Amino acid sequence: MIKAIRGATTVEEDNKEEIINKTQELIEKIITTNNIKKENIVYIFFTMTKDLKSEFPAVAARKIGFNDIPLMCAQELDIDGSLRKCIRIMMLIETNQNVEIKHVYLHNAVKLREDLMR
């Protein structure tokens, strides 16, 4: 069975260190919240808003050992009024159980899915 987990976070400043730290925090929170084993991750797809240009979020994943997992980055659609300085993630996992997925939204990104944060 394949399941997708969504998540997002925000940064205060566009710099390499903050993008790496906040991306790693998001990945680790998704993994612990959903009790995921690294070997069950099929791929991770990242997007960032147009105002973030200092680093690829995939670099953050590689720095914590995700070297054998396909990683892809793209730019989020630039929609008027949308949340800025935002990193989003979709992690596809393989599981042999019908587990309940818990999506993770951190920092200002909780505004994106307040319905899930109750």
PDB file of N, CA and C in Angstrom:
ATOM      1  N   MET A   1       0.842  -1.163   0.000  1.00  0.00           N
ATOM      2  CA  MET A   1       0.000   0.000   0.000  1.00  0.00           C
ATOM      3  C   MET A   1       0.897   1.240   0.000  1.00  0.00           C
ATOM      4  N   ILE A   2       0.517   2.217  -0.790  1.00  0.00           N
ATOM      5  CA  ILE A   2       1.248   3.480  -0.882  1.00  0.00           C
ATOM      6  C   ILE A   2       0.417   4.577  -0.212  1.00  0.00           C
ATOM      7  N   LYS A   3       1.074   5.402   0.602  1.00  0.00           N
ATOM      8  CA  LYS A   3       0.416   6.523   1.279  1.00  0.00           C
ATOM      9  C   LYS A   3       1.247   7.779   1.059  1.00  0.00           C
ATOM     10  N   ALA A   4       0.584   8.926   0.989  1.00  0.00           N
ATOM     11  CA  ALA A   4       1.263  10.213   0.856  1.00  0.00           C
ATOM     12  C   ALA A   4       1.058  11.018   2.123  1.00  0.00           C
ATOM     13  N   ILE A   5       2.121  11.652   2.561  1.00  0.00           N
ATOM     14  CA  ILE A   5       2.076  12.500   3.741  1.00  0.00           C
ATOM     15  C   ILE A   5       2.469  13.907   3.306  1.00  0.00           C
ATOM     16  N   ARG A   6       1.659  14.874   3.695  1.00  0.00           N
ATOM     17  CA  ARG A   6       1.925  16.276   3.370  1.00  0.00           C
ATOM     18  C   ARG A   6       2.433  16.995   4.593  1.00  0.00           C
ATOM     19  N   GLY A   7       3.151  18.069   4.336  1.00  0.00           N
ATOM     20  CA  GLY A   7       3.611  18.907   5.423  1.00  0.00           C
ATOM     21  C   GLY A   7       4.155  20.210   4.886  1.00  0.00           C
ATOM     22  N   ALA A   8       4.334  21.168   5.776  1.00  0.00           N
ATOM     23  CA  ALA A   8       4.892  22.457   5.388  1.00  0.00           C
ATOM     24  C   ALA A   8       5.474  23.144   6.609  1.00  0.00           C
ATOM     25  N   THR A   9       6.382  24.049   6.327  1.00  0.00           N
ATOM     26  CA  THR A   9       6.975  24.885   7.363  1.00  0.00           C
ATOM     27  C   THR A   9       7.303  26.229   6.741  1.00  0.00           C
ATOM     28  N   THR A  10       7.689  27.161   7.566  1.00  0.00           N
ATOM     29  CA  THR A  10       8.117  28.460   7.065  1.00  0.00           C
ATOM     30  C   THR A  10       9.460  28.830   7.683  1.00  0.00           C
ATOM     31  N   VAL A  11      10.138  29.745   7.016  1.00  0.00           N
ATOM     32  CA  VAL A  11      11.384  30.302   7.530  1.00  0.00           C
ATOM     33  C   VAL A  11      11.178  31.805   7.730  1.00  0.00           C
ATOM     34  N   GLU A  12      11.990  32.381   8.589  1.00  0.00           N
ATOM     35  CA  GLU A  12      11.933  33.828   8.806  1.00  0.00           C
ATOM     36  C   GLU A  12      12.762  34.566   7.755  1.00  0.00           C
ATOM     37  N   GLU A  13      13.900  33.984   7.392  1.00  0.00           N
ATOM     38  CA  GLU A  13      14.829  34.614   6.449  1.00  0.00           C
ATOM     39  C   GLU A  13      15.215  33.631   5.362  1.00  0.00           C
ATOM     40  N   ASP A  14      15.517  34.142   4.189  1.00  0.00           N
ATOM     41  CA  ASP A  14      15.997  33.312   3.083  1.00  0.00           C
ATOM     42  C   ASP A  14      17.508  33.152   3.200  1.00  0.00           C
ATOM     43  N   ASN A  15      17.924  32.131   3.956  1.00  0.00           N
ATOM     44  CA  ASN A  15      19.350  31.815   4.021  1.00  0.00           C
ATOM     45  C   ASN A  15      19.515  30.307   4.130  1.00  0.00           C
ATOM     46  N   LYS A  16      20.685  29.814   3.713  1.00  0.00           N
ATOM     47  CA  LYS A  16      20.933  28.372   3.648  1.00  0.00           C
ATOM     48  C   LYS A  16      20.680  27.682   4.983  1.00  0.00           C
ATOM     49  N   GLU A  17      21.227  28.241   6.034  1.00  0.00           N
ATOM     50  CA  GLU A  17      21.127  27.590   7.345  1.00  0.00           C
ATOM     51  C   GLU A  17      19.677  27.410   7.784  1.00  0.00           C
ATOM     52  N   GLU A  18      18.881  28.449   7.626  1.00  0.00           N
ATOM     53  CA  GLU A  18      17.490  28.345   8.074  1.00  0.00           C
ATOM     54  C   GLU A  18      16.684  27.389   7.193  1.00  0.00           C
ATOM     55  N   ILE A  19      16.906  27.426   5.895  1.00  0.00           N
ATOM     56  CA  ILE A  19      16.200  26.492   5.001  1.00  0.00           C
ATOM     57  C   ILE A  19      16.561  25.054   5.361  1.00  0.00           C
ATOM     58  N   ILE A  20      17.832  24.797   5.591  1.00  0.00           N
ATOM     59  CA  ILE A  20      18.264  23.441   5.960  1.00  0.00           C
ATOM     60  C   ILE A  20      17.673  23.038   7.315  1.00  0.00           C
ATOM     61  N   ASN A  21      17.789  23.902   8.315  1.00  0.00           N
ATOM     62  CA  ASN A  21      17.298  23.558   9.658  1.00  0.00           C
ATOM     63  C   ASN A  21      15.791  23.329   9.688  1.00  0.00           C
ATOM     64  N   LYS A  22      15.030  24.202   9.063  1.00  0.00           N
ATOM     65  CA  LYS A  22      13.565  24.064   9.099  1.00  0.00           C
ATOM     66  C   LYS A  22      13.102  22.867   8.260  1.00  0.00           C
ATOM     67  N   THR A  23      13.794  22.583   7.155  1.00  0.00           N
ATOM     68  CA  THR A  23      13.442  21.414   6.349  1.00  0.00           C
ATOM     69  C   THR A  23      13.731  20.133   7.120  1.00  0.00           C
ATOM     70  N   GLN A  24      14.880  20.066   7.780  1.00  0.00           N
ATOM     71  CA  GLN A  24      15.206  18.891   8.583  1.00  0.00           C
ATOM     72  C   GLN A  24      14.214  18.708   9.724  1.00  0.00           C
ATOM     73  N   GLU A  25      13.842  19.795  10.363  1.00  0.00           N
ATOM     74  CA  GLU A  25      12.847  19.733  11.444  1.00  0.00           C
ATOM     75  C   GLU A  25      11.534  19.145  10.923  1.00  0.00           C
ATOM     76  N   LEU A  26      11.107  19.597   9.748  1.00  0.00           N
ATOM     77  CA  LEU A  26       9.856  19.104   9.164  1.00  0.00           C
ATOM     78  C   LEU A  26       9.949  17.616   8.823  1.00  0.00           C
ATOM     79  N   ILE A  27      11.024  17.214   8.169  1.00  0.00           N
ATOM     80  CA  ILE A  27      11.203  15.799   7.813  1.00  0.00           C
ATOM     81  C   ILE A  27      11.184  14.933   9.073  1.00  0.00           C
ATOM     82  N   GLU A  28      11.956  15.326  10.068  1.00  0.00           N
ATOM     83  CA  GLU A  28      12.049  14.531  11.293  1.00  0.00           C
ATOM     84  C   GLU A  28      10.706  14.458  12.027  1.00  0.00           C
ATOM     85  N   LYS A  29       9.956  15.558  12.015  1.00  0.00           N
ATOM     86  CA  LYS A  29       8.635  15.558  12.673  1.00  0.00           C
ATOM     87  C   LYS A  29       7.658  14.646  11.929  1.00  0.00           C
ATOM     88  N   ILE A  30       7.695  14.658  10.599  1.00  0.00           N
ATOM     89  CA  ILE A  30       6.834  13.759   9.819  1.00  0.00           C
ATOM     90  C   ILE A  30       7.177  12.305  10.130  1.00  0.00           C
ATOM     91  N   ILE A  31       8.455  11.993  10.180  1.00  0.00           N
ATOM     92  CA  ILE A  31       8.896  10.618  10.436  1.00  0.00           C
ATOM     93  C   ILE A  31       8.502  10.152  11.834  1.00  0.00           C
ATOM     94  N   THR A  32       8.727  10.987  12.846  1.00  0.00           N
ATOM     95  CA  THR A  32       8.393  10.556  14.209  1.00  0.00           C
ATOM     96  C   THR A  32       6.884  10.517  14.436  1.00  0.00           C
ATOM     97  N   THR A  33       6.162  11.501  13.917  1.00  0.00           N
ATOM     98  CA  THR A  33       4.710  11.548  14.103  1.00  0.00           C
ATOM     99  C   THR A  33       4.018  10.357  13.458  1.00  0.00           C
ATOM    100  N   ASN A  34       4.550   9.904  12.319  1.00  0.00           N
ATOM    101  CA  ASN A  34       3.927   8.806  11.583  1.00  0.00           C
ATOM    102  C   ASN A  34       4.652   7.471  11.750  1.00  0.00           C
ATOM    103  N   ASN A  35       5.666   7.450  12.618  1.00  0.00           N
ATOM    104  CA  ASN A  35       6.417   6.220  12.893  1.00  0.00           C
ATOM    105  C   ASN A  35       6.906   5.545  11.603  1.00  0.00           C
ATOM    106  N   ILE A  36       7.620   6.316  10.795  1.00  0.00           N
ATOM    107  CA  ILE A  36       8.093   5.848   9.480  1.00  0.00           C
ATOM    108  C   ILE A  36       9.530   5.351   9.584  1.00  0.00           C
ATOM    109  N   LYS A  37       9.789   4.260   8.906  1.00  0.00           N
ATOM    110  CA  LYS A  37      11.161   3.768   8.763  1.00  0.00           C
ATOM    111  C   LYS A  37      11.709   4.306   7.439  1.00  0.00           C
ATOM    112  N   LYS A  38      12.959   4.718   7.461  1.00  0.00           N
ATOM    113  CA  LYS A  38      13.586   5.310   6.276  1.00  0.00           C
ATOM    114  C   LYS A  38      13.435   4.414   5.049  1.00  0.00           C
ATOM    115  N   GLU A  39      13.554   3.124   5.225  1.00  0.00           N
ATOM    116  CA  GLU A  39      13.479   2.198   4.087  1.00  0.00           C
ATOM    117  C   GLU A  39      12.088   2.123   3.465  1.00  0.00           C
ATOM    118  N   ASN A  40      11.086   2.685   4.130  1.00  0.00           N
ATOM    119  CA  ASN A  40       9.724   2.694   3.590  1.00  0.00           C
ATOM    120  C   ASN A  40       9.380   3.968   2.816  1.00  0.00           C
ATOM    121  N   ILE A  41      10.345   4.895   2.739  1.00  0.00           N
ATOM    122  CA  ILE A  41      10.109   6.128   1.992  1.00  0.00           C
ATOM    123  C   ILE A  41      10.389   5.873   0.513  1.00  0.00           C
ATOM    124  N   VAL A  42       9.400   6.107  -0.330  1.00  0.00           N
ATOM    125  CA  VAL A  42       9.530   5.902  -1.776  1.00  0.00           C
ATOM    126  C   VAL A  42      10.214   7.105  -2.412  1.00  0.00           C
ATOM    127  N   TYR A  43       9.724   8.303  -2.107  1.00  0.00           N
ATOM    128  CA  TYR A  43      10.368   9.536  -2.560  1.00  0.00           C
ATOM    129  C   TYR A  43       9.864  10.711  -1.744  1.00  0.00           C
ATOM    130  N   ILE A  44      10.583  11.832  -1.862  1.00  0.00           N
ATOM    131  CA  ILE A  44      10.156  13.071  -1.228  1.00  0.00           C
ATOM    132  C   ILE A  44      10.170  14.159  -2.295  1.00  0.00           C
ATOM    133  N   PHE A  45       9.056  14.890  -2.376  1.00  0.00           N
ATOM    134  CA  PHE A  45       8.914  15.996  -3.312  1.00  0.00           C
ATOM    135  C   PHE A  45       8.775  17.278  -2.500  1.00  0.00           C
ATOM    136  N   PHE A  46       9.642  18.244  -2.769  1.00  0.00           N
ATOM    137  CA  PHE A  46       9.646  19.521  -2.064  1.00  0.00           C
ATOM    138  C   PHE A  46       9.225  20.643  -3.001  1.00  0.00           C
ATOM    139  N   THR A  47       8.538  21.639  -2.462  1.00  0.00           N
ATOM    140  CA  THR A  47       8.355  22.900  -3.169  1.00  0.00           C
ATOM    141  C   THR A  47       8.713  24.023  -2.204  1.00  0.00           C
ATOM    142  N   MET A  48       9.120  25.142  -2.793  1.00  0.00           N
ATOM    143  CA  MET A  48       9.382  26.349  -2.012  1.00  0.00           C
ATOM    144  C   MET A  48       8.746  27.522  -2.738  1.00  0.00           C
ATOM    145  N   THR A  49       8.367  28.523  -1.968  1.00  0.00           N
ATOM    146  CA  THR A  49       7.809  29.724  -2.570  1.00  0.00           C
ATOM    147  C   THR A  49       8.910  30.507  -3.287  1.00  0.00           C
ATOM    148  N   LYS A  50       8.471  31.360  -4.184  1.00  0.00           N
ATOM    149  CA  LYS A  50       9.361  32.118  -5.063  1.00  0.00           C
ATOM    150  C   LYS A  50      10.391  32.963  -4.305  1.00  0.00           C
ATOM    151  N   ASP A  51      10.080  33.354  -3.083  1.00  0.00           N
ATOM    152  CA  ASP A  51      10.969  34.218  -2.313  1.00  0.00           C
ATOM    153  C   ASP A  51      12.101  33.476  -1.609  1.00  0.00           C
ATOM    154  N   LEU A  52      12.177  32.153  -1.765  1.00  0.00           N
ATOM    155  CA  LEU A  52      13.266  31.358  -1.182  1.00  0.00           C
ATOM    156  C   LEU A  52      14.185  30.868  -2.296  1.00  0.00           C
ATOM    157  N   LYS A  53      15.461  31.277  -2.228  1.00  0.00           N
ATOM    158  CA  LYS A  53      16.401  30.969  -3.304  1.00  0.00           C
ATOM    159  C   LYS A  53      17.788  30.553  -2.811  1.00  0.00           C
ATOM    160  N   SER A  54      17.988  30.472  -1.508  1.00  0.00           N
ATOM    161  CA  SER A  54      19.336  30.275  -0.969  1.00  0.00           C
ATOM    162  C   SER A  54      19.812  28.832  -0.961  1.00  0.00           C
ATOM    163  N   GLU A  55      18.889  27.872  -0.944  1.00  0.00           N
ATOM    164  CA  GLU A  55      19.290  26.461  -0.874  1.00  0.00           C
ATOM    165  C   GLU A  55      18.145  25.567  -1.323  1.00  0.00           C
ATOM    166  N   PHE A  56      18.492  24.409  -1.839  1.00  0.00           N
ATOM    167  CA  PHE A  56      17.503  23.385  -2.164  1.00  0.00           C
ATOM    168  C   PHE A  56      17.109  22.657  -0.883  1.00  0.00           C
ATOM    169  N   PRO A  57      15.827  22.419  -0.633  1.00  0.00           N
ATOM    170  CA  PRO A  57      15.459  21.645   0.559  1.00  0.00           C
ATOM    171  C   PRO A  57      15.972  20.201   0.493  1.00  0.00           C
ATOM    172  N   ALA A  58      16.204  19.687  -0.683  1.00  0.00           N
ATOM    173  CA  ALA A  58      16.754  18.330  -0.793  1.00  0.00           C
ATOM    174  C   ALA A  58      18.141  18.225  -0.155  1.00  0.00           C
ATOM    175  N   VAL A  59      18.888  19.305  -0.129  1.00  0.00           N
ATOM    176  CA  VAL A  59      20.201  19.308   0.527  1.00  0.00           C
ATOM    177  C   VAL A  59      20.034  18.978   2.008  1.00  0.00           C
ATOM    178  N   ALA A  60      18.992  19.525   2.618  1.00  0.00           N
ATOM    179  CA  ALA A  60      18.716  19.238   4.036  1.00  0.00           C
ATOM    180  C   ALA A  60      18.474  17.747   4.254  1.00  0.00           C
ATOM    181  N   ALA A  61      17.723  17.132   3.347  1.00  0.00           N
ATOM    182  CA  ALA A  61      17.442  15.698   3.469  1.00  0.00           C
ATOM    183  C   ALA A  61      18.718  14.878   3.301  1.00  0.00           C
ATOM    184  N   ARG A  62      19.555  15.256   2.362  1.00  0.00           N
ATOM    185  CA  ARG A  62      20.814  14.521   2.168  1.00  0.00           C
ATOM    186  C   ARG A  62      21.715  14.627   3.390  1.00  0.00           C
ATOM    187  N   LYS A  63      21.702  15.786   4.027  1.00  0.00           N
ATOM    188  CA  LYS A  63      22.559  15.999   5.207  1.00  0.00           C
ATOM    189  C   LYS A  63      22.155  15.122   6.392  1.00  0.00           C
ATOM    190  N   ILE A  64      20.925  14.610   6.384  1.00  0.00           N
ATOM    191  CA  ILE A  64      20.514  13.690   7.464  1.00  0.00           C
ATOM    192  C   ILE A  64      20.415  12.249   6.964  1.00  0.00           C
ATOM    193  N   GLY A  65      21.105  11.960   5.851  1.00  0.00           N
ATOM    194  CA  GLY A  65      21.264  10.584   5.410  1.00  0.00           C
ATOM    195  C   GLY A  65      20.289  10.065   4.380  1.00  0.00           C
ATOM    196  N   PHE A  66      19.522  10.920   3.736  1.00  0.00           N
ATOM    197  CA  PHE A  66      18.567  10.474   2.730  1.00  0.00           C
ATOM    198  C   PHE A  66      19.223  10.455   1.342  1.00  0.00           C
ATOM    199  N   ASN A  67      20.330   9.786   1.235  1.00  0.00           N
ATOM    200  CA  ASN A  67      21.090   9.755  -0.013  1.00  0.00           C
ATOM    201  C   ASN A  67      20.576   8.737  -1.020  1.00  0.00           C
ATOM    202  N   ASP A  68      19.854   7.744  -0.569  1.00  0.00           N
ATOM    203  CA  ASP A  68      19.370   6.687  -1.466  1.00  0.00           C
ATOM    204  C   ASP A  68      17.871   6.806  -1.739  1.00  0.00           C
ATOM    205  N   ILE A  69      17.290   7.927  -1.382  1.00  0.00           N
ATOM    206  CA  ILE A  69      15.862   8.177  -1.614  1.00  0.00           C
ATOM    207  C   ILE A  69      15.740   9.252  -2.686  1.00  0.00           C
ATOM    208  N   PRO A  70      14.928   9.039  -3.713  1.00  0.00           N
ATOM    209  CA  PRO A  70      14.742  10.079  -4.728  1.00  0.00           C
ATOM    210  C   PRO A  70      14.145  11.349  -4.109  1.00  0.00           C
ATOM    211  N   LEU A  71      14.774  12.465  -4.416  1.00  0.00           N
ATOM    212  CA  LEU A  71      14.355  13.766  -3.906  1.00  0.00           C
ATOM    213  C   LEU A  71      14.184  14.708  -5.082  1.00  0.00           C
ATOM    214  N   MET A  72      13.133  15.506  -5.082  1.00  0.00           N
ATOM    215  CA  MET A  72      12.926  16.473  -6.154  1.00  0.00           C
ATOM    216  C   MET A  72      12.422  17.773  -5.560  1.00  0.00           C
ATOM    217  N   CYS A  73      12.887  18.876  -6.145  1.00  0.00           N
ATOM    218  CA  CYS A  73      12.480  20.215  -5.705  1.00  0.00           C
ATOM    219  C   CYS A  73      11.834  20.961  -6.862  1.00  0.00           C
ATOM    220  N   ALA A  74      10.865  21.815  -6.519  1.00  0.00           N
ATOM    221  CA  ALA A  74      10.205  22.656  -7.510  1.00  0.00           C
ATOM    222  C   ALA A  74       9.758  23.940  -6.836  1.00  0.00           C
ATOM    223  N   GLN A  75       9.417  24.911  -7.668  1.00  0.00           N
ATOM    224  CA  GLN A  75       8.902  26.165  -7.139  1.00  0.00           C
ATOM    225  C   GLN A  75       7.386  26.068  -7.004  1.00  0.00           C
ATOM    226  N   GLU A  76       6.886  26.514  -5.866  1.00  0.00           N
ATOM    227  CA  GLU A  76       5.445  26.554  -5.617  1.00  0.00           C
ATOM    228  C   GLU A  76       4.810  27.606  -6.521  1.00  0.00           C
ATOM    229  N   LEU A  77       3.557  27.432  -6.872  1.00  0.00           N
ATOM    230  CA  LEU A  77       2.846  28.451  -7.637  1.00  0.00           C
ATOM    231  C   LEU A  77       2.850  29.775  -6.872  1.00  0.00           C
ATOM    232  N   ASP A  78       3.034  30.860  -7.583  1.00  0.00           N
ATOM    233  CA  ASP A  78       3.093  32.189  -6.975  1.00  0.00           C
ATOM    234  C   ASP A  78       1.716  32.847  -7.057  1.00  0.00           C
ATOM    235  N   ILE A  79       0.867  32.518  -6.114  1.00  0.00           N
ATOM    236  CA  ILE A  79      -0.522  32.992  -6.094  1.00  0.00           C
ATOM    237  C   ILE A  79      -0.626  34.204  -5.170  1.00  0.00           C
ATOM    238  N   ASP A  80      -1.292  35.251  -5.626  1.00  0.00           N
ATOM    239  CA  ASP A  80      -1.486  36.442  -4.802  1.00  0.00           C
ATOM    240  C   ASP A  80      -2.119  36.066  -3.468  1.00  0.00           C
ATOM    241  N   GLY A  81      -1.555  36.576  -2.394  1.00  0.00           N
ATOM    242  CA  GLY A  81      -2.100  36.335  -1.067  1.00  0.00           C
ATOM    243  C   GLY A  81      -1.671  35.028  -0.419  1.00  0.00           C
ATOM    244  N   SER A  82      -0.881  34.215  -1.117  1.00  0.00           N
ATOM    245  CA  SER A  82      -0.472  32.938  -0.530  1.00  0.00           C
ATOM    246  C   SER A  82       0.628  33.148   0.512  1.00  0.00           C
ATOM    247  N   LEU A  83       0.807  32.160   1.351  1.00  0.00           N
ATOM    248  CA  LEU A  83       1.811  32.193   2.410  1.00  0.00           C
ATOM    249  C   LEU A  83       3.202  32.303   1.802  1.00  0.00           C
ATOM    250  N   ARG A  84       4.015  33.181   2.321  1.00  0.00           N
ATOM    251  CA  ARG A  84       5.372  33.410   1.830  1.00  0.00           C
ATOM    252  C   ARG A  84       6.395  32.677   2.694  1.00  0.00           C
ATOM    253  N   LYS A  85       7.594  32.521   2.134  1.00  0.00           N
ATOM    254  CA  LYS A  85       8.727  31.868   2.804  1.00  0.00           C
ATOM    255  C   LYS A  85       8.326  30.490   3.322  1.00  0.00           C
ATOM    256  N   CYS A  86       7.702  29.742   2.449  1.00  0.00           N
ATOM    257  CA  CYS A  86       7.123  28.451   2.818  1.00  0.00           C
ATOM    258  C   CYS A  86       7.798  27.295   2.062  1.00  0.00           C
ATOM    259  N   ILE A  87       8.102  26.248   2.785  1.00  0.00           N
ATOM    260  CA  ILE A  87       8.644  25.009   2.234  1.00  0.00           C
ATOM    261  C   ILE A  87       7.569  23.941   2.436  1.00  0.00           C
ATOM    262  N   ARG A  88       7.208  23.275   1.354  1.00  0.00           N
ATOM    263  CA  ARG A  88       6.194  22.216   1.432  1.00  0.00           C
ATOM    264  C   ARG A  88       6.832  20.876   1.060  1.00  0.00           C
ATOM    265  N   ILE A  89       6.210  19.833   1.538  1.00  0.00           N
ATOM    266  CA  ILE A  89       6.746  18.499   1.291  1.00  0.00           C
ATOM    267  C   ILE A  89       5.597  17.528   1.025  1.00  0.00           C
ATOM    268  N   MET A  90       5.853  16.586   0.121  1.00  0.00           N
ATOM    269  CA  MET A  90       4.989  15.428  -0.024  1.00  0.00           C
ATOM    270  C   MET A  90       5.910  14.212   0.023  1.00  0.00           C
ATOM    271  N   MET A  91       5.700  13.387   1.015  1.00  0.00           N
ATOM    272  CA  MET A  91       6.509  12.181   1.208  1.00  0.00           C
ATOM    273  C   MET A  91       5.631  10.978   0.886  1.00  0.00           C
ATOM    274  N   LEU A  92       6.080  10.182  -0.048  1.00  0.00           N
ATOM    275  CA  LEU A  92       5.363   8.965  -0.411  1.00  0.00           C
ATOM    276  C   LEU A  92       6.010   7.796   0.319  1.00  0.00           C
ATOM    277  N   ILE A  93       5.180   7.010   1.019  1.00  0.00           N
ATOM    278  CA  ILE A  93       5.708   5.874   1.773  1.00  0.00           C
ATOM    279  C   ILE A  93       4.998   4.589   1.366  1.00  0.00           C
ATOM    280  N   GLU A  94       5.691   3.497   1.576  1.00  0.00           N
ATOM    281  CA  GLU A  94       5.136   2.161   1.380  1.00  0.00           C
ATOM    282  C   GLU A  94       4.829   1.583   2.755  1.00  0.00           C
ATOM    283  N   THR A  95       3.648   1.001   2.883  1.00  0.00           N
ATOM    284  CA  THR A  95       3.287   0.371   4.147  1.00  0.00           C
ATOM    285  C   THR A  95       2.409  -0.838   3.864  1.00  0.00           C
ATOM    286  N   ASN A  96       2.515  -1.840   4.707  1.00  0.00           N
ATOM    287  CA  ASN A  96       1.651  -3.012   4.547  1.00  0.00           C
ATOM    288  C   ASN A  96       0.491  -2.959   5.535  1.00  0.00           C
ATOM    289  N   GLN A  97       0.300  -1.781   6.135  1.00  0.00           N
ATOM    290  CA  GLN A  97      -0.794  -1.598   7.079  1.00  0.00           C
ATOM    291  C   GLN A  97      -1.644  -0.413   6.626  1.00  0.00           C
ATOM    292  N   ASN A  98      -2.893  -0.444   6.992  1.00  0.00           N
ATOM    293  CA  ASN A  98      -3.774   0.680   6.711  1.00  0.00           C
ATOM    294  C   ASN A  98      -3.661   1.667   7.871  1.00  0.00           C
ATOM    295  N   VAL A  99      -2.565   2.427   7.872  1.00  0.00           N
ATOM    296  CA  VAL A  99      -2.279   3.343   8.965  1.00  0.00           C
ATOM    297  C   VAL A  99      -2.924   4.704   8.724  1.00  0.00           C
ATOM    298  N   GLU A 100      -3.242   5.389   9.813  1.00  0.00           N
ATOM    299  CA  GLU A 100      -3.768   6.742   9.713  1.00  0.00           C
ATOM    300  C   GLU A 100      -2.594   7.697   9.533  1.00  0.00           C
ATOM    301  N   ILE A 101      -2.642   8.484   8.493  1.00  0.00           N
ATOM    302  CA  ILE A 101      -1.589   9.440   8.194  1.00  0.00           C
ATOM    303  C   ILE A 101      -1.837  10.726   8.968  1.00  0.00           C
ATOM    304  N   LYS A 102      -0.767  11.257   9.549  1.00  0.00           N
ATOM    305  CA  LYS A 102      -0.839  12.536  10.252  1.00  0.00           C
ATOM    306  C   LYS A 102       0.030  13.533   9.489  1.00  0.00           C
ATOM    307  N   HIS A 103      -0.605  14.495   8.862  1.00  0.00           N
ATOM    308  CA  HIS A 103       0.114  15.528   8.131  1.00  0.00           C
ATOM    309  C   HIS A 103       0.692  16.517   9.139  1.00  0.00           C
ATOM    310  N   VAL A 104       1.813  17.156   8.779  1.00  0.00           N
ATOM    311  CA  VAL A 104       2.535  17.995   9.728  1.00  0.00           C
ATOM    312  C   VAL A 104       2.730  19.396   9.153  1.00  0.00           C
ATOM    313  N   TYR A 105       2.274  20.384   9.897  1.00  0.00           N
ATOM    314  CA  TYR A 105       2.431  21.790   9.506  1.00  0.00           C
ATOM    315  C   TYR A 105       3.042  22.537  10.675  1.00  0.00           C
ATOM    316  N   LEU A 106       4.182  23.171  10.428  1.00  0.00           N
ATOM    317  CA  LEU A 106       4.941  23.831  11.486  1.00  0.00           C
ATOM    318  C   LEU A 106       5.036  25.332  11.256  1.00  0.00           C
ATOM    319  N   HIS A 107       5.284  26.046  12.338  1.00  0.00           N
ATOM    320  CA  HIS A 107       5.504  27.496  12.311  1.00  0.00           C
ATOM    321  C   HIS A 107       4.321  28.194  11.637  1.00  0.00           C
ATOM    322  N   ASN A 108       4.545  29.165  10.781  1.00  0.00           N
ATOM    323  CA  ASN A 108       3.437  29.893  10.157  1.00  0.00           C
ATOM    324  C   ASN A 108       2.641  29.030   9.180  1.00  0.00           C
ATOM    325  N   ALA A 109       3.170  27.888   8.809  1.00  0.00           N
ATOM    326  CA  ALA A 109       2.473  27.005   7.868  1.00  0.00           C
ATOM    327  C   ALA A 109       1.232  26.358   8.478  1.00  0.00           C
ATOM    328  N   VAL A 110       1.057  26.439   9.789  1.00  0.00           N
ATOM    329  CA  VAL A 110      -0.174  25.890  10.379  1.00  0.00           C
ATOM    330  C   VAL A 110      -1.396  26.598   9.801  1.00  0.00           C
ATOM    331  N   LYS A 111      -1.228  27.823   9.306  1.00  0.00           N
ATOM    332  CA  LYS A 111      -2.326  28.565   8.686  1.00  0.00           C
ATOM    333  C   LYS A 111      -2.857  27.859   7.442  1.00  0.00           C
ATOM    334  N   LEU A 112      -2.007  27.057   6.808  1.00  0.00           N
ATOM    335  CA  LEU A 112      -2.410  26.372   5.578  1.00  0.00           C
ATOM    336  C   LEU A 112      -3.480  25.317   5.840  1.00  0.00           C
ATOM    337  N   ARG A 113      -3.396  24.650   6.963  1.00  0.00           N
ATOM    338  CA  ARG A 113      -4.318  23.555   7.284  1.00  0.00           C
ATOM    339  C   ARG A 113      -4.718  23.588   8.739  1.00  0.00           C
ATOM    340  N   GLU A 114      -5.356  24.652   9.135  1.00  0.00           N
ATOM    341  CA  GLU A 114      -5.805  24.757  10.524  1.00  0.00           C
ATOM    342  C   GLU A 114      -6.776  23.640  10.888  1.00  0.00           C
ATOM    343  N   ASP A 115      -7.486  23.098   9.889  1.00  0.00           N
ATOM    344  CA  ASP A 115      -8.404  21.996  10.131  1.00  0.00           C
ATOM    345  C   ASP A 115      -7.687  20.751  10.623  1.00  0.00           C
ATOM    346  N   LEU A 116      -6.408  20.591  10.268  1.00  0.00           N
ATOM    347  CA  LEU A 116      -5.644  19.419  10.704  1.00  0.00           C
ATOM    348  C   LEU A 116      -4.930  19.650  12.027  1.00  0.00           C
ATOM    349  N   MET A 117      -4.872  20.886  12.484  1.00  0.00           N
ATOM    350  CA  MET A 117      -4.095  21.226  13.667  1.00  0.00           C
ATOM    351  C   MET A 117      -4.923  21.246  14.951  1.00  0.00           C
ATOM    352  N   ARG A 118      -6.171  20.832  14.889  1.00  0.00           N
ATOM    353  CA  ARG A 118      -7.023  20.823  16.088  1.00  0.00           C
ATOM    354  C   ARG A 118      -6.731  19.664  16.984  1.00  0.00           C
TER     355      ARG A 118
END
